[in-house]
Protein backbone atom coordinates (compact mmCIF):
# COMPACT_ATOMS: atom_id res chain seq x y z
CA MET A 1 -19.05 -22.94 6.32
CA SER A 2 -17.07 -25.24 4.03
CA HIS A 3 -13.46 -24.64 3.10
CA ASP A 4 -14.48 -23.96 -0.52
CA GLN A 5 -17.07 -21.43 0.60
CA SER A 6 -14.56 -19.58 2.77
CA ASP A 7 -12.15 -19.42 -0.19
CA ALA A 8 -14.92 -18.08 -2.40
CA ASP A 9 -15.75 -15.44 0.22
CA ARG A 10 -12.08 -14.42 0.48
CA ILE A 11 -11.78 -14.13 -3.29
CA SER A 12 -15.02 -12.18 -3.65
CA SER A 13 -13.91 -9.81 -0.90
CA ARG A 14 -10.47 -9.29 -2.50
CA ALA A 15 -11.98 -8.87 -5.97
CA HIS A 16 -13.04 -5.33 -5.02
CA LEU A 17 -10.20 -3.40 -6.58
CA LEU A 18 -7.98 -1.19 -4.47
CA PRO A 19 -7.75 2.44 -5.64
CA GLU A 20 -4.34 1.77 -7.21
CA GLU A 21 -5.71 -1.27 -9.04
CA ALA A 22 -8.85 0.56 -10.18
CA ALA A 23 -6.69 3.34 -11.63
CA VAL A 24 -5.06 0.90 -14.07
CA GLY A 25 -8.08 -1.38 -14.40
CA SER A 26 -8.45 -5.14 -14.44
CA ASP A 27 -9.75 -7.46 -17.16
CA ASP A 28 -10.90 -9.97 -14.54
CA ALA A 29 -10.83 -8.76 -10.94
CA TYR A 30 -12.04 -12.16 -9.65
CA ALA A 31 -9.19 -14.07 -11.37
CA GLN A 32 -6.74 -11.42 -10.20
CA ALA A 33 -7.96 -11.81 -6.60
CA GLU A 34 -7.76 -15.59 -6.86
CA ALA A 35 -4.13 -15.41 -8.04
CA ILE A 36 -3.15 -12.87 -5.36
CA LEU A 37 -4.66 -14.96 -2.57
CA ALA A 38 -3.15 -18.22 -3.90
CA GLU A 39 0.32 -16.63 -3.89
CA SER A 40 -0.30 -15.21 -0.42
CA ASP A 41 -1.32 -18.65 0.85
CA ARG A 42 1.86 -20.20 -0.63
CA ARG A 43 4.02 -17.55 1.03
CA GLU A 44 2.25 -18.04 4.35
CA ALA A 45 2.76 -21.83 4.20
CA ASP A 46 6.40 -21.58 3.05
CA ARG A 47 8.14 -18.39 4.09
CA SER A 48 10.87 -18.99 1.48
CA ALA A 49 8.34 -19.28 -1.39
CA ALA A 50 8.54 -15.61 -2.31
CA PRO A 51 10.92 -14.81 -5.15
CA ASP A 52 14.30 -13.53 -3.95
CA THR A 53 13.36 -14.22 -0.34
CA VAL A 54 16.19 -14.35 2.11
CA LEU A 55 15.06 -14.80 5.66
CA GLU A 56 17.73 -13.48 7.96
CA GLN A 57 17.61 -14.07 11.65
CA ARG A 58 19.97 -11.58 13.20
CA THR A 59 19.83 -9.49 16.30
CA SER A 60 20.08 -5.71 16.17
CA ASP A 61 23.60 -6.00 17.60
CA GLU A 62 24.60 -7.95 14.51
CA THR A 63 23.19 -5.38 12.09
CA VAL A 64 24.64 -2.17 13.51
CA THR A 65 28.26 -1.15 13.43
CA THR A 66 29.04 0.73 16.58
CA ILE A 67 31.20 3.82 16.31
CA GLU A 68 33.37 4.66 19.25
CA PRO A 69 33.45 8.34 20.17
CA PRO A 70 36.85 10.03 19.82
CA ASP A 71 38.96 10.35 22.95
């Protein structure tokens, strides 16, 4: 299967609207699927490509403030 064919299969598969999407409708489900998958591919290739993305690499110890019990 060629790369183009696999992309076409992905788009055709995604073009079936989800219930939430069907509720509001779509003028062009195929174009919508193509745009969604293109953005997904960009985000997968570059994890900072998503708008307002801040990738934090902290441990759970760094995210929780421990509270000492009273004496």
